[in-house]
Amino acid sequence: MTTTRAESAPFVQNVAAELAAFLKHYITWHDRRTAVEAAARAAVKAAGGRIITGGQDRPWVDGRTTETYYDQETGEKLGVIVWQNNDMNVPASSTMEFHDADVHIDLLVDDEDLGEDIPDPFGFRSWADEQDIDELRHMLAASPNP
């Protein structure tokens, strides 16, 4: 049995309305997260810290692995930690020097504190995370249901 265009119109309209509602919530959440992240970055810099990226970049091979760390703003390599004997309590060697005010990028913003309960019955979230936020704003503005 084939569905006609007229029969599928309510479904399409419902999905479009759900997408518009989702985009409103998602853009609000994104803007709030961006502001929180900017404030966190400023606080780290004011305290003399660095935003660090990196970590375990290789699997354990023969009981050994390495972690390489970078300054997220400059891209500068900060150091390497070598772990062995499948033990991450005491490094076998390290050229990485952490400062008290350093923060890993993954710990800069706690998304759970932002109330990330965005209604998403159609599963738009993973798609939206991959899009440019300005494109999403444009899409919402062009929506018949903004």
N, C-alpha and C. Protein backbone atom coordinates (compact mmCIF):
# COMPACT_ATOMS: atom_id res chain seq x y z
N MET A 1 0.84 -1.17 0.00
CA MET A 1 0.00 0.00 0.00
C MET A 1 0.88 1.24 0.00
N THR A 2 0.59 2.16 -0.87
CA THR A 2 1.37 3.38 -1.01
C THR A 2 0.69 4.51 -0.26
N THR A 3 1.50 5.31 0.43
CA THR A 3 0.97 6.46 1.14
C THR A 3 0.99 7.66 0.21
N THR A 4 -0.11 8.38 0.20
CA THR A 4 -0.18 9.57 -0.66
C THR A 4 0.46 10.74 0.06
N ARG A 5 0.75 11.76 -0.72
CA ARG A 5 1.34 12.97 -0.16
C ARG A 5 0.40 13.59 0.87
N ALA A 6 -0.88 13.60 0.58
CA ALA A 6 -1.85 14.19 1.50
C ALA A 6 -1.91 13.40 2.81
N GLU A 7 -1.77 12.07 2.72
CA GLU A 7 -1.80 11.25 3.93
C GLU A 7 -0.55 11.43 4.78
N SER A 8 0.58 11.70 4.16
CA SER A 8 1.82 11.85 4.93
C SER A 8 2.03 13.28 5.42
N ALA A 9 1.25 14.23 4.94
CA ALA A 9 1.43 15.64 5.33
C ALA A 9 1.36 15.86 6.84
N PRO A 10 0.38 15.29 7.56
CA PRO A 10 0.35 15.52 9.01
C PRO A 10 1.62 15.02 9.71
N PHE A 11 2.13 13.88 9.29
CA PHE A 11 3.36 13.36 9.89
C PHE A 11 4.53 14.30 9.63
N VAL A 12 4.67 14.74 8.40
CA VAL A 12 5.76 15.65 8.04
C VAL A 12 5.64 16.96 8.81
N GLN A 13 4.41 17.47 8.93
CA GLN A 13 4.20 18.70 9.70
C GLN A 13 4.55 18.50 11.17
N ASN A 14 4.22 17.34 11.70
CA ASN A 14 4.55 17.03 13.09
C ASN A 14 6.06 16.97 13.29
N VAL A 15 6.76 16.31 12.39
CA VAL A 15 8.22 16.23 12.50
C VAL A 15 8.84 17.62 12.38
N ALA A 16 8.33 18.44 11.46
CA ALA A 16 8.85 19.81 11.30
C ALA A 16 8.62 20.62 12.56
N ALA A 17 7.44 20.47 13.17
CA ALA A 17 7.15 21.20 14.41
C ALA A 17 8.05 20.72 15.54
N GLU A 18 8.27 19.40 15.62
CA GLU A 18 9.17 18.85 16.65
C GLU A 18 10.60 19.34 16.44
N LEU A 19 11.04 19.40 15.18
CA LEU A 19 12.39 19.90 14.90
C LEU A 19 12.51 21.35 15.32
N ALA A 20 11.52 22.18 15.02
CA ALA A 20 11.57 23.59 15.41
C ALA A 20 11.61 23.72 16.93
N ALA A 21 10.78 22.95 17.64
CA ALA A 21 10.78 22.99 19.10
C ALA A 21 12.13 22.54 19.65
N PHE A 22 12.67 21.46 19.07
CA PHE A 22 13.97 20.98 19.50
C PHE A 22 15.04 22.05 19.28
N LEU A 23 15.05 22.67 18.10
CA LEU A 23 16.07 23.68 17.80
C LEU A 23 16.01 24.85 18.77
N LYS A 24 14.82 25.28 19.16
CA LYS A 24 14.70 26.36 20.15
C LYS A 24 15.42 25.99 21.44
N HIS A 25 15.12 24.79 21.94
CA HIS A 25 15.75 24.32 23.18
C HIS A 25 17.25 24.13 23.00
N TYR A 26 17.63 23.52 21.90
CA TYR A 26 19.05 23.22 21.66
C TYR A 26 19.87 24.50 21.54
N ILE A 27 19.38 25.49 20.82
CA ILE A 27 20.11 26.75 20.65
C ILE A 27 20.23 27.47 21.98
N THR A 28 19.17 27.47 22.78
CA THR A 28 19.23 28.08 24.11
C THR A 28 20.27 27.37 24.97
N TRP A 29 20.25 26.02 24.95
CA TRP A 29 21.25 25.26 25.69
C TRP A 29 22.66 25.57 25.19
N HIS A 30 22.85 25.60 23.87
CA HIS A 30 24.16 25.87 23.28
C HIS A 30 24.68 27.24 23.71
N ASP A 31 23.83 28.25 23.67
CA ASP A 31 24.24 29.60 24.05
C ASP A 31 24.63 29.65 25.53
N ARG A 32 23.85 28.96 26.37
CA ARG A 32 24.17 28.92 27.81
C ARG A 32 25.50 28.20 28.02
N ARG A 33 25.71 27.08 27.33
CA ARG A 33 26.97 26.33 27.46
C ARG A 33 28.15 27.15 26.99
N THR A 34 27.99 27.88 25.88
CA THR A 34 29.06 28.72 25.35
C THR A 34 29.45 29.79 26.36
N ALA A 35 28.46 30.40 27.01
CA ALA A 35 28.74 31.43 28.02
C ALA A 35 29.45 30.83 29.24
N VAL A 36 28.98 29.67 29.69
CA VAL A 36 29.61 29.01 30.84
C VAL A 36 31.05 28.62 30.50
N GLU A 37 31.27 28.11 29.29
CA GLU A 37 32.61 27.72 28.88
C GLU A 37 33.54 28.93 28.80
N ALA A 38 33.05 30.04 28.27
CA ALA A 38 33.87 31.26 28.18
C ALA A 38 34.26 31.74 29.57
N ALA A 39 33.32 31.71 30.50
CA ALA A 39 33.62 32.12 31.88
C ALA A 39 34.63 31.17 32.52
N ALA A 40 34.48 29.87 32.28
CA ALA A 40 35.42 28.89 32.84
C ALA A 40 36.82 29.08 32.26
N ARG A 41 36.90 29.32 30.96
CA ARG A 41 38.20 29.56 30.33
C ARG A 41 38.86 30.80 30.93
N ALA A 42 38.08 31.86 31.11
CA ALA A 42 38.62 33.10 31.69
C ALA A 42 39.11 32.86 33.11
N ALA A 43 38.38 32.07 33.88
CA ALA A 43 38.78 31.78 35.26
C ALA A 43 40.08 30.98 35.30
N VAL A 44 40.22 30.01 34.40
CA VAL A 44 41.45 29.21 34.34
C VAL A 44 42.63 30.11 33.99
N LYS A 45 42.45 30.96 32.97
CA LYS A 45 43.53 31.86 32.57
C LYS A 45 43.88 32.84 33.69
N ALA A 46 42.86 33.38 34.37
CA ALA A 46 43.10 34.33 35.46
C ALA A 46 43.88 33.68 36.60
N ALA A 47 43.69 32.39 36.78
CA ALA A 47 44.41 31.67 37.84
C ALA A 47 45.78 31.19 37.38
N GLY A 48 46.15 31.51 36.13
CA GLY A 48 47.45 31.11 35.61
C GLY A 48 47.48 29.70 35.05
N GLY A 49 46.31 29.13 34.81
CA GLY A 49 46.25 27.76 34.30
C GLY A 49 46.16 27.68 32.79
N ARG A 50 46.19 26.46 32.32
CA ARG A 50 46.07 26.18 30.89
C ARG A 50 44.92 25.21 30.68
N ILE A 51 44.28 25.32 29.50
CA ILE A 51 43.28 24.34 29.11
C ILE A 51 44.06 23.26 28.37
N ILE A 52 44.01 22.05 28.90
CA ILE A 52 44.83 20.95 28.39
C ILE A 52 43.97 19.97 27.61
N THR A 53 44.50 19.49 26.49
CA THR A 53 43.87 18.41 25.74
C THR A 53 44.82 17.23 25.71
N GLY A 54 44.29 16.11 25.32
CA GLY A 54 45.12 14.92 25.22
C GLY A 54 44.80 13.94 26.31
N GLY A 55 45.67 12.99 26.43
CA GLY A 55 45.48 11.92 27.40
C GLY A 55 45.99 10.64 26.79
N GLN A 56 45.37 9.55 27.16
CA GLN A 56 45.83 8.25 26.66
C GLN A 56 45.56 8.17 25.17
N ASP A 57 46.63 8.14 24.39
CA ASP A 57 46.45 8.13 22.95
C ASP A 57 46.77 6.80 22.31
N ARG A 58 47.20 5.86 23.07
CA ARG A 58 47.50 4.54 22.50
C ARG A 58 46.97 3.47 23.44
N PRO A 59 46.62 2.32 22.89
CA PRO A 59 46.19 1.22 23.76
C PRO A 59 47.39 0.65 24.52
N TRP A 60 47.10 -0.12 25.53
CA TRP A 60 48.15 -0.80 26.28
C TRP A 60 48.76 -1.88 25.39
N VAL A 61 50.06 -1.84 25.23
CA VAL A 61 50.78 -2.86 24.47
C VAL A 61 51.92 -3.35 25.35
N ASP A 62 51.93 -4.63 25.59
CA ASP A 62 52.95 -5.23 26.47
C ASP A 62 53.02 -4.50 27.81
N GLY A 63 51.84 -4.13 28.34
CA GLY A 63 51.79 -3.49 29.65
C GLY A 63 52.23 -2.04 29.67
N ARG A 64 52.27 -1.39 28.50
CA ARG A 64 52.79 -0.02 28.42
C ARG A 64 51.87 0.85 27.55
N THR A 65 51.68 2.10 27.97
CA THR A 65 50.93 3.07 27.16
C THR A 65 51.47 4.47 27.43
N THR A 66 51.12 5.40 26.55
CA THR A 66 51.58 6.78 26.72
C THR A 66 50.39 7.73 26.66
N GLU A 67 50.56 8.86 27.30
CA GLU A 67 49.60 9.96 27.23
C GLU A 67 50.37 11.20 26.79
N THR A 68 49.86 11.88 25.77
CA THR A 68 50.49 13.11 25.29
C THR A 68 49.52 14.26 25.55
N TYR A 69 50.01 15.35 26.10
CA TYR A 69 49.17 16.50 26.46
C TYR A 69 49.59 17.73 25.67
N TYR A 70 48.57 18.56 25.35
CA TYR A 70 48.78 19.79 24.57
C TYR A 70 48.05 20.95 25.23
N ASP A 71 48.57 22.16 25.00
CA ASP A 71 47.86 23.38 25.38
C ASP A 71 46.78 23.59 24.32
N GLN A 72 45.53 23.63 24.73
CA GLN A 72 44.42 23.70 23.79
C GLN A 72 44.41 25.01 23.00
N GLU A 73 44.84 26.09 23.60
CA GLU A 73 44.83 27.38 22.90
C GLU A 73 45.97 27.53 21.90
N THR A 74 47.15 27.07 22.26
CA THR A 74 48.32 27.29 21.40
C THR A 74 48.67 26.07 20.55
N GLY A 75 48.19 24.91 20.96
CA GLY A 75 48.56 23.68 20.26
C GLY A 75 49.92 23.15 20.67
N GLU A 76 50.59 23.85 21.57
CA GLU A 76 51.93 23.46 22.02
C GLU A 76 51.87 22.12 22.77
N LYS A 77 52.81 21.23 22.43
CA LYS A 77 52.92 19.97 23.15
C LYS A 77 53.50 20.26 24.53
N LEU A 78 52.79 19.84 25.57
CA LEU A 78 53.21 20.13 26.93
C LEU A 78 54.05 19.01 27.55
N GLY A 79 53.80 17.80 27.14
CA GLY A 79 54.58 16.70 27.70
C GLY A 79 53.94 15.36 27.46
N VAL A 80 54.66 14.33 27.89
CA VAL A 80 54.24 12.94 27.70
C VAL A 80 54.41 12.20 29.02
N ILE A 81 53.45 11.34 29.31
CA ILE A 81 53.56 10.45 30.47
C ILE A 81 53.56 9.02 29.94
N VAL A 82 54.50 8.22 30.40
CA VAL A 82 54.57 6.81 30.01
C VAL A 82 54.19 5.97 31.23
N TRP A 83 53.23 5.09 31.02
CA TRP A 83 52.78 4.17 32.06
C TRP A 83 53.18 2.76 31.66
N GLN A 84 53.53 1.95 32.65
CA GLN A 84 53.84 0.56 32.31
C GLN A 84 53.35 -0.37 33.41
N ASN A 85 53.43 -1.65 33.11
CA ASN A 85 52.93 -2.71 34.00
C ASN A 85 51.43 -2.56 34.26
N ASN A 86 50.70 -2.02 33.26
CA ASN A 86 49.25 -1.82 33.37
C ASN A 86 48.87 -1.05 34.63
N ASP A 87 49.74 -0.18 35.08
CA ASP A 87 49.54 0.56 36.33
C ASP A 87 49.56 2.06 36.04
N MET A 88 48.44 2.73 36.32
CA MET A 88 48.38 4.18 36.10
C MET A 88 48.45 4.95 37.41
N ASN A 89 49.07 4.37 38.42
CA ASN A 89 49.25 5.06 39.69
C ASN A 89 50.58 5.80 39.76
N VAL A 90 51.62 5.18 39.22
CA VAL A 90 52.94 5.79 39.24
C VAL A 90 53.51 5.71 37.83
N PRO A 91 53.79 6.85 37.21
CA PRO A 91 54.31 6.80 35.84
C PRO A 91 55.73 6.24 35.79
N ALA A 92 56.01 5.55 34.68
CA ALA A 92 57.37 5.04 34.46
C ALA A 92 58.29 6.20 34.11
N SER A 93 57.77 7.16 33.35
CA SER A 93 58.52 8.38 33.04
C SER A 93 57.52 9.47 32.66
N SER A 94 57.95 10.72 32.79
CA SER A 94 57.05 11.82 32.49
C SER A 94 57.84 13.08 32.16
N THR A 95 57.41 13.76 31.10
CA THR A 95 57.94 15.09 30.80
C THR A 95 56.84 16.13 31.00
N MET A 96 55.68 15.68 31.48
CA MET A 96 54.53 16.56 31.67
C MET A 96 54.54 17.14 33.07
N GLU A 97 54.42 18.47 33.13
CA GLU A 97 54.34 19.15 34.41
C GLU A 97 52.99 19.86 34.50
N PHE A 98 52.13 19.35 35.36
CA PHE A 98 50.81 19.96 35.55
C PHE A 98 50.93 21.10 36.55
N HIS A 99 50.19 22.16 36.30
CA HIS A 99 50.09 23.28 37.24
C HIS A 99 48.77 23.14 37.99
N ASP A 100 48.72 23.67 39.20
CA ASP A 100 47.51 23.54 40.01
C ASP A 100 46.27 24.07 39.30
N ALA A 101 46.41 25.13 38.52
CA ALA A 101 45.26 25.76 37.88
C ALA A 101 44.93 25.18 36.50
N ASP A 102 45.69 24.19 36.03
CA ASP A 102 45.40 23.57 34.73
C ASP A 102 44.08 22.80 34.80
N VAL A 103 43.36 22.81 33.69
CA VAL A 103 42.10 22.07 33.61
C VAL A 103 42.06 21.34 32.27
N HIS A 104 41.70 20.07 32.30
CA HIS A 104 41.54 19.31 31.05
C HIS A 104 40.25 19.77 30.38
N ILE A 105 40.26 19.88 29.07
CA ILE A 105 39.10 20.36 28.31
C ILE A 105 37.84 19.58 28.64
N ASP A 106 37.96 18.28 28.90
CA ASP A 106 36.80 17.46 29.21
C ASP A 106 36.17 17.81 30.56
N LEU A 107 36.92 18.50 31.41
CA LEU A 107 36.43 18.86 32.74
C LEU A 107 36.09 20.34 32.86
N LEU A 108 36.24 21.09 31.80
CA LEU A 108 36.02 22.54 31.84
C LEU A 108 34.58 22.89 32.14
N VAL A 109 33.63 22.21 31.51
CA VAL A 109 32.21 22.47 31.72
C VAL A 109 31.52 21.14 32.02
N ASP A 110 30.75 21.12 33.09
CA ASP A 110 29.97 19.93 33.42
C ASP A 110 28.59 20.09 32.79
N ASP A 111 28.36 19.39 31.69
CA ASP A 111 27.09 19.53 30.96
C ASP A 111 25.89 19.16 31.82
N GLU A 112 26.06 18.31 32.81
CA GLU A 112 24.94 17.95 33.67
C GLU A 112 24.46 19.15 34.48
N ASP A 113 25.34 20.09 34.77
CA ASP A 113 24.95 21.30 35.50
C ASP A 113 24.13 22.26 34.65
N LEU A 114 24.10 22.03 33.34
CA LEU A 114 23.39 22.93 32.44
C LEU A 114 21.94 22.51 32.21
N GLY A 115 21.49 21.47 32.86
CA GLY A 115 20.12 21.03 32.66
C GLY A 115 19.86 20.64 31.22
N GLU A 116 20.56 19.63 30.78
CA GLU A 116 20.55 19.25 29.37
C GLU A 116 19.31 18.45 28.96
N ASP A 117 18.22 18.57 29.67
CA ASP A 117 17.00 17.84 29.32
C ASP A 117 16.29 18.54 28.17
N ILE A 118 16.75 18.29 26.97
CA ILE A 118 16.16 18.88 25.78
C ILE A 118 15.20 17.85 25.20
N PRO A 119 13.90 18.19 25.08
CA PRO A 119 12.97 17.23 24.49
C PRO A 119 13.43 16.84 23.08
N ASP A 120 13.55 15.54 22.84
CA ASP A 120 14.08 15.07 21.56
C ASP A 120 13.46 13.74 21.15
N PRO A 121 12.13 13.72 20.92
CA PRO A 121 11.48 12.45 20.62
C PRO A 121 11.90 11.82 19.29
N PHE A 122 12.46 12.60 18.39
CA PHE A 122 12.85 12.06 17.09
C PHE A 122 14.36 11.83 16.98
N GLY A 123 15.12 12.08 18.04
CA GLY A 123 16.55 11.81 18.02
C GLY A 123 17.37 12.79 17.19
N PHE A 124 17.04 14.08 17.27
CA PHE A 124 17.75 15.10 16.50
C PHE A 124 19.11 15.46 17.10
N ARG A 125 19.35 15.12 18.36
CA ARG A 125 20.52 15.62 19.09
C ARG A 125 21.86 15.29 18.43
N SER A 126 22.07 14.04 18.08
CA SER A 126 23.38 13.69 17.51
C SER A 126 23.60 14.42 16.19
N TRP A 127 22.55 14.60 15.42
CA TRP A 127 22.66 15.36 14.17
C TRP A 127 22.99 16.82 14.48
N ALA A 128 22.30 17.43 15.44
CA ALA A 128 22.51 18.84 15.76
C ALA A 128 23.92 19.09 16.28
N ASP A 129 24.46 18.15 17.05
CA ASP A 129 25.81 18.31 17.58
C ASP A 129 26.86 18.42 16.48
N GLU A 130 26.56 17.89 15.30
CA GLU A 130 27.51 17.92 14.19
C GLU A 130 27.33 19.13 13.28
N GLN A 131 26.32 19.96 13.55
CA GLN A 131 26.02 21.09 12.68
C GLN A 131 26.63 22.38 13.22
N ASP A 132 26.81 23.34 12.33
CA ASP A 132 27.25 24.68 12.71
C ASP A 132 26.06 25.39 13.36
N ILE A 133 26.28 26.00 14.51
CA ILE A 133 25.18 26.61 15.26
C ILE A 133 24.50 27.72 14.46
N ASP A 134 25.25 28.46 13.65
CA ASP A 134 24.63 29.52 12.85
C ASP A 134 23.71 28.94 11.78
N GLU A 135 24.06 27.77 11.25
CA GLU A 135 23.17 27.10 10.29
C GLU A 135 21.88 26.67 10.98
N LEU A 136 21.99 26.21 12.21
CA LEU A 136 20.79 25.81 12.96
C LEU A 136 19.91 27.03 13.25
N ARG A 137 20.54 28.15 13.59
CA ARG A 137 19.77 29.39 13.81
C ARG A 137 19.02 29.79 12.54
N HIS A 138 19.70 29.70 11.41
CA HIS A 138 19.09 30.04 10.13
C HIS A 138 17.92 29.09 9.83
N MET A 139 18.14 27.81 10.10
CA MET A 139 17.09 26.81 9.86
C MET A 139 15.86 27.11 10.72
N LEU A 140 16.08 27.47 11.98
CA LEU A 140 14.96 27.78 12.86
C LEU A 140 14.23 29.04 12.39
N ALA A 141 14.99 30.05 11.99
CA ALA A 141 14.36 31.30 11.52
C ALA A 141 13.52 31.06 10.27
N ALA A 142 13.94 30.12 9.43
CA ALA A 142 13.22 29.84 8.19
C ALA A 142 12.05 28.88 8.41
N SER A 143 11.95 28.32 9.60
CA SER A 143 10.91 27.33 9.89
C SER A 143 9.54 28.00 9.95
N PRO A 144 8.50 27.32 9.46
CA PRO A 144 7.16 27.89 9.57
C PRO A 144 6.63 27.82 11.01
N ASN A 145 7.34 27.10 11.88
CA ASN A 145 6.89 26.94 13.27
C ASN A 145 7.89 27.48 14.29
N PRO A 146 8.54 28.63 14.05
CA PRO A 146 9.53 29.06 15.03
C PRO A 146 8.86 29.50 16.29
